[in-house]
Structures are given as C-alpha cells and as structure tokens.
C-alpha atoms as a PDB file:
ATOM      1  CA  GLN A   1      40.931  36.077 -34.136  1.00  0.00           C
ATOM      2  CA  ALA A   2      39.820  38.872 -31.554  1.00  0.00           C
ATOM      3  CA  PRO A   3      38.962  36.549 -27.253  1.00  0.00           C
ATOM      4  CA  LEU A   4      35.402  36.641 -27.308  1.00  0.00           C
ATOM      5  CA  VAL A   5      33.484  37.393 -23.514  1.00  0.00           C
ATOM      6  CA  GLU A   6      29.442  37.247 -23.872  1.00  0.00           C
ATOM      7  CA  SER A   7      27.793  38.202 -21.432  1.00  0.00           C
ATOM      8  CA  GLY A   8      23.798  39.164 -20.048  1.00  0.00           C
ATOM      9  CA  GLY A   9      22.972  35.524 -20.125  1.00  0.00           C
ATOM     10  CA  GLY A  10      20.330  35.184 -16.078  1.00  0.00           C
ATOM     11  CA  LEU A  11      17.250  33.588 -15.063  1.00  0.00           C
ATOM     12  CA  VAL A  12      14.581  34.574 -16.532  1.00  0.00           C
ATOM     13  CA  GLN A  13      10.680  33.936 -16.390  1.00  0.00           C
ATOM     14  CA  ALA A  14       8.919  31.624 -18.853  1.00  0.00           C
ATOM     15  CA  GLY A  15       8.174  35.044 -21.814  1.00  0.00           C
ATOM     16  CA  ALA A  16      10.487  36.881 -20.851  1.00  0.00           C
ATOM     17  CA  SER A  17      13.075  38.684 -23.411  1.00  0.00           C
ATOM     18  CA  LEU A  18      16.667  38.758 -22.977  1.00  0.00           C
ATOM     19  CA  ARG A  19      19.576  40.092 -25.553  1.00  0.00           C
ATOM     20  CA  LEU A  20      22.919  38.322 -25.516  1.00  0.00           C
ATOM     21  CA  SER A  21      26.348  40.237 -26.049  1.00  0.00           C
ATOM     22  CA  CYS A  22      29.680  39.369 -27.873  1.00  0.00           C
ATOM     23  CA  ALA A  23      32.433  41.405 -27.420  1.00  0.00           C
ATOM     24  CA  ALA A  24      35.441  41.225 -29.778  1.00  0.00           C
ATOM     25  CA  SER A  25      38.266  42.605 -27.655  1.00  0.00           C
ATOM     26  CA  GLY A  26      40.597  42.486 -30.135  1.00  0.00           C
ATOM     27  CA  ARG A  27      41.355  43.237 -33.913  1.00  0.00           C
ATOM     28  CA  THR A  28      38.755  41.581 -36.227  1.00  0.00           C
ATOM     29  CA  PHE A  29      39.494  42.428 -39.609  1.00  0.00           C
ATOM     30  CA  ASN A  30      39.553  39.096 -40.122  1.00  0.00           C
ATOM     31  CA  THR A  31      35.801  37.889 -39.458  1.00  0.00           C
ATOM     32  CA  TYR A  32      33.813  37.226 -41.737  1.00  0.00           C
ATOM     33  CA  ARG A  33      31.443  35.744 -40.005  1.00  0.00           C
ATOM     34  CA  MET A  34      29.824  35.486 -35.907  1.00  0.00           C
ATOM     35  CA  GLY A  35      27.350  33.021 -34.961  1.00  0.00           C
ATOM     36  CA  TRP A  36      25.135  31.894 -31.468  1.00  0.00           C
ATOM     37  CA  PHE A  37      25.867  27.594 -30.363  1.00  0.00           C
ATOM     38  CA  ARG A  38      23.162  26.604 -26.933  1.00  0.00           C
ATOM     39  CA  GLN A  39      24.038  23.813 -25.874  1.00  0.00           C
ATOM     40  CA  ALA A  40      21.417  22.724 -23.208  1.00  0.00           C
ATOM     41  CA  PRO A  41      22.137  20.189 -20.041  1.00  0.00           C
ATOM     42  CA  GLY A  42      23.143  16.902 -22.095  1.00  0.00           C
ATOM     43  CA  LYS A  43      22.805  17.602 -25.336  1.00  0.00           C
ATOM     44  CA  GLU A  44      24.551  18.730 -28.431  1.00  0.00           C
ATOM     45  CA  ARG A  45      25.825  22.664 -29.280  1.00  0.00           C
ATOM     46  CA  GLU A  46      22.994  23.528 -31.694  1.00  0.00           C
ATOM     47  CA  PHE A  47      23.460  26.694 -34.209  1.00  0.00           C
ATOM     48  CA  VAL A  48      20.995  29.678 -33.127  1.00  0.00           C
ATOM     49  CA  ALA A  49      21.985  31.810 -35.351  1.00  0.00           C
ATOM     50  CA  ALA A  50      24.454  33.614 -37.711  1.00  0.00           C
ATOM     51  CA  VAL A  51      25.938  36.935 -39.174  1.00  0.00           C
ATOM     52  CA  LYS A  52      27.936  38.151 -41.951  1.00  0.00           C
ATOM     53  CA  TRP A  53      30.658  40.257 -40.262  1.00  0.00           C
ATOM     54  CA  ARG A  54      31.005  42.389 -44.009  1.00  0.00           C
ATOM     55  CA  ASP A  55      27.883  42.600 -45.328  1.00  0.00           C
ATOM     56  CA  ASP A  56      25.213  41.576 -42.320  1.00  0.00           C
ATOM     57  CA  THR A  57      23.668  38.670 -44.144  1.00  0.00           C
ATOM     58  CA  THR A  58      21.889  36.806 -41.688  1.00  0.00           C
ATOM     59  CA  TYR A  59      20.941  33.530 -41.279  1.00  0.00           C
ATOM     60  CA  TYR A  60      18.680  31.165 -38.765  1.00  0.00           C
ATOM     61  CA  ALA A  61      18.117  27.496 -37.586  1.00  0.00           C
ATOM     62  CA  ASP A  62      14.228  26.665 -38.304  1.00  0.00           C
ATOM     63  CA  SER A  63      13.794  26.591 -33.952  1.00  0.00           C
ATOM     64  CA  TRP A  64      14.891  29.633 -33.603  1.00  0.00           C
ATOM     65  CA  LYS A  65      13.758  31.583 -36.749  1.00  0.00           C
ATOM     66  CA  ASP A  66      10.435  33.440 -35.252  1.00  0.00           C
ATOM     67  CA  ARG A  67      12.095  34.190 -31.601  1.00  0.00           C
ATOM     68  CA  VAL A  68      15.147  34.763 -31.420  1.00  0.00           C
ATOM     69  CA  THR A  69      17.685  37.802 -33.959  1.00  0.00           C
ATOM     70  CA  ILE A  70      21.031  38.099 -34.375  1.00  0.00           C
ATOM     71  CA  SER A  71      22.896  41.515 -35.394  1.00  0.00           C
ATOM     72  CA  ARG A  72      26.306  43.798 -35.316  1.00  0.00           C
ATOM     73  CA  ASP A  73      27.622  46.604 -33.769  1.00  0.00           C
ATOM     74  CA  ASN A  74      31.335  46.758 -36.588  1.00  0.00           C
ATOM     75  CA  ALA A  75      32.043  49.650 -33.984  1.00  0.00           C
ATOM     76  CA  LYS A  76      31.755  48.253 -31.085  1.00  0.00           C
ATOM     77  CA  ASN A  77      33.373  44.649 -32.130  1.00  0.00           C
ATOM     78  CA  THR A  78      30.224  43.632 -30.888  1.00  0.00           C
ATOM     79  CA  VAL A  79      26.941  41.051 -31.732  1.00  0.00           C
ATOM     80  CA  TYR A  80      23.604  40.452 -30.364  1.00  0.00           C
ATOM     81  CA  LEU A  81      21.532  37.784 -29.920  1.00  0.00           C
ATOM     82  CA  GLN A  82      18.064  39.233 -28.764  1.00  0.00           C
ATOM     83  CA  MET A  83      15.671  36.256 -27.487  1.00  0.00           C
ATOM     84  CA  ASN A  84      12.127  36.545 -27.838  1.00  0.00           C
ATOM     85  CA  SER A  85       9.085  34.738 -25.433  1.00  0.00           C
ATOM     86  CA  LEU A  86      11.238  32.226 -23.982  1.00  0.00           C
ATOM     87  CA  LYS A  87      10.583  29.078 -22.923  1.00  0.00           C
ATOM     88  CA  PRO A  88      12.290  26.722 -19.993  1.00  0.00           C
ATOM     89  CA  GLU A  89      13.101  24.517 -22.915  1.00  0.00           C
ATOM     90  CA  ASP A  90      15.847  27.802 -24.084  1.00  0.00           C
ATOM     91  CA  THR A  91      17.894  26.738 -20.876  1.00  0.00           C
ATOM     92  CA  GLY A  92      21.478  25.699 -21.503  1.00  0.00           C
ATOM     93  CA  VAL A  93      24.671  28.039 -22.406  1.00  0.00           C
ATOM     94  CA  TYR A  94      24.832  30.704 -24.710  1.00  0.00           C
ATOM     95  CA  TYR A  95      28.503  30.707 -27.125  1.00  0.00           C
ATOM     96  CA  CYS A  96      29.320  32.738 -29.327  1.00  0.00           C
ATOM     97  CA  ALA A  97      31.385  31.811 -32.513  1.00  0.00           C
ATOM     98  CA  ALA A  98      34.197  33.723 -34.682  1.00  0.00           C
ATOM     99  CA  GLY A  99      34.728  31.981 -37.811  1.00  0.00           C
ATOM    100  CA  SER A 100      37.343  33.518 -40.646  1.00  0.00           C
ATOM    101  CA  GLY A 101      36.135  32.200 -43.697  1.00  0.00           C
ATOM    102  CA  PRO A 102      33.270  30.602 -45.858  1.00  0.00           C
ATOM    103  CA  ARG A 103      33.695  27.090 -44.754  1.00  0.00           C
ATOM    104  CA  TYR A 104      30.331  24.726 -43.936  1.00  0.00           C
ATOM    105  CA  GLY A 105      27.752  27.169 -44.688  1.00  0.00           C
ATOM    106  CA  GLY A 106      27.233  28.377 -41.164  1.00  0.00           C
ATOM    107  CA  LYS A 107      25.173  26.524 -39.263  1.00  0.00           C
ATOM    108  CA  SER A 108      27.450  23.634 -38.523  1.00  0.00           C
ATOM    109  CA  ARG A 109      30.126  24.075 -35.140  1.00  0.00           C
ATOM    110  CA  ALA A 110      33.381  23.456 -38.296  1.00  0.00           C
ATOM    111  CA  SER A 111      32.730  27.177 -39.394  1.00  0.00           C
ATOM    112  CA  TYR A 112      34.003  28.739 -36.432  1.00  0.00           C
ATOM    113  CA  ASP A 113      37.622  29.123 -35.161  1.00  0.00           C
ATOM    114  CA  THR A 114      37.212  30.971 -32.067  1.00  0.00           C
ATOM    115  CA  TRP A 115      34.560  30.490 -29.013  1.00  0.00           C
ATOM    116  CA  GLY A 116      33.594  32.118 -26.305  1.00  0.00           C
ATOM    117  CA  GLN A 117      33.128  30.710 -22.570  1.00  0.00           C
ATOM    118  CA  GLY A 118      29.279  31.382 -22.475  1.00  0.00           C
ATOM    119  CA  THR A 119      26.477  32.772 -21.054  1.00  0.00           C
ATOM    120  CA  GLN A 120      24.290  30.520 -19.077  1.00  0.00           C
ATOM    121  CA  VAL A 121      20.684  31.198 -19.530  1.00  0.00           C
ATOM    122  CA  THR A 122      18.175  29.473 -17.031  1.00  0.00           C
ATOM    123  CA  VAL A 123      13.636  30.031 -17.996  1.00  0.00           C
ATOM    124  CA  SER A 124      12.235  29.125 -15.328  1.00  0.00           C
ATOM    125  CA  SER A 125       8.322  27.939 -15.702  1.00  0.00           C
END
C-alpha cells in the first residue's frame, strides 16, 4: 500500500470549515477503501468517514454525518474530508487510512492497513 500524507489541518474558530487532504504517494491499484479517523486528546481513535475506491460508496459515523463529506479523486490518488460548522470538541489529530480489502465493514481501525502521520485540527471557541 502506498504511503499516505495528510494536509489541511490548522487552527480555526468555531463555526469555520476545513478541507483535509490525503495523498497516496504510490500506486493505489489494490486500495479497497480509504477512511478518516479522529483522535482527540486522551481518547481512542474514532471513525469519521470512509469511501470505497472503486465505486465511490461513502459511509459516515452517525455523530459526523451531518457536518462532513468525504470524496476522492482517483486521478490524483487523493481523498478529501470537508468539515463544516466545526466545534471545539472536534479538536484532535485527523488520520487518513487505506485498506486493501472489505474486512470489518470499514468503520473499524482493523479495516485499514496503512495510516498517515496525521494532521492536527484545533478549533477555538
């Protein structure tokens, strides 16, 4: 699986929007799905959204589905996470992940083989 590099994080005020990007630097022919997870300080890494690479099927965590949109650009080997109406509790490190098969349904960390280094998102009140 190709290495993943996230970008787009930063410090924003509550109510703002951010778009995170995750670029796969190598071949992605064996990618089944890509996902985004968030790890808040002192908490477990939690699922946010995922997209199947071949057919663009998307799925979201219930707590995020009204405020985020995941999309992909196959030509650029890049997946995006558009986040709107950000809240201070959205603060954390956002990780991109890629999985090579359909195991575990895609909302579990175990569904993914490769992880990026993470990008920090800080939302101030």
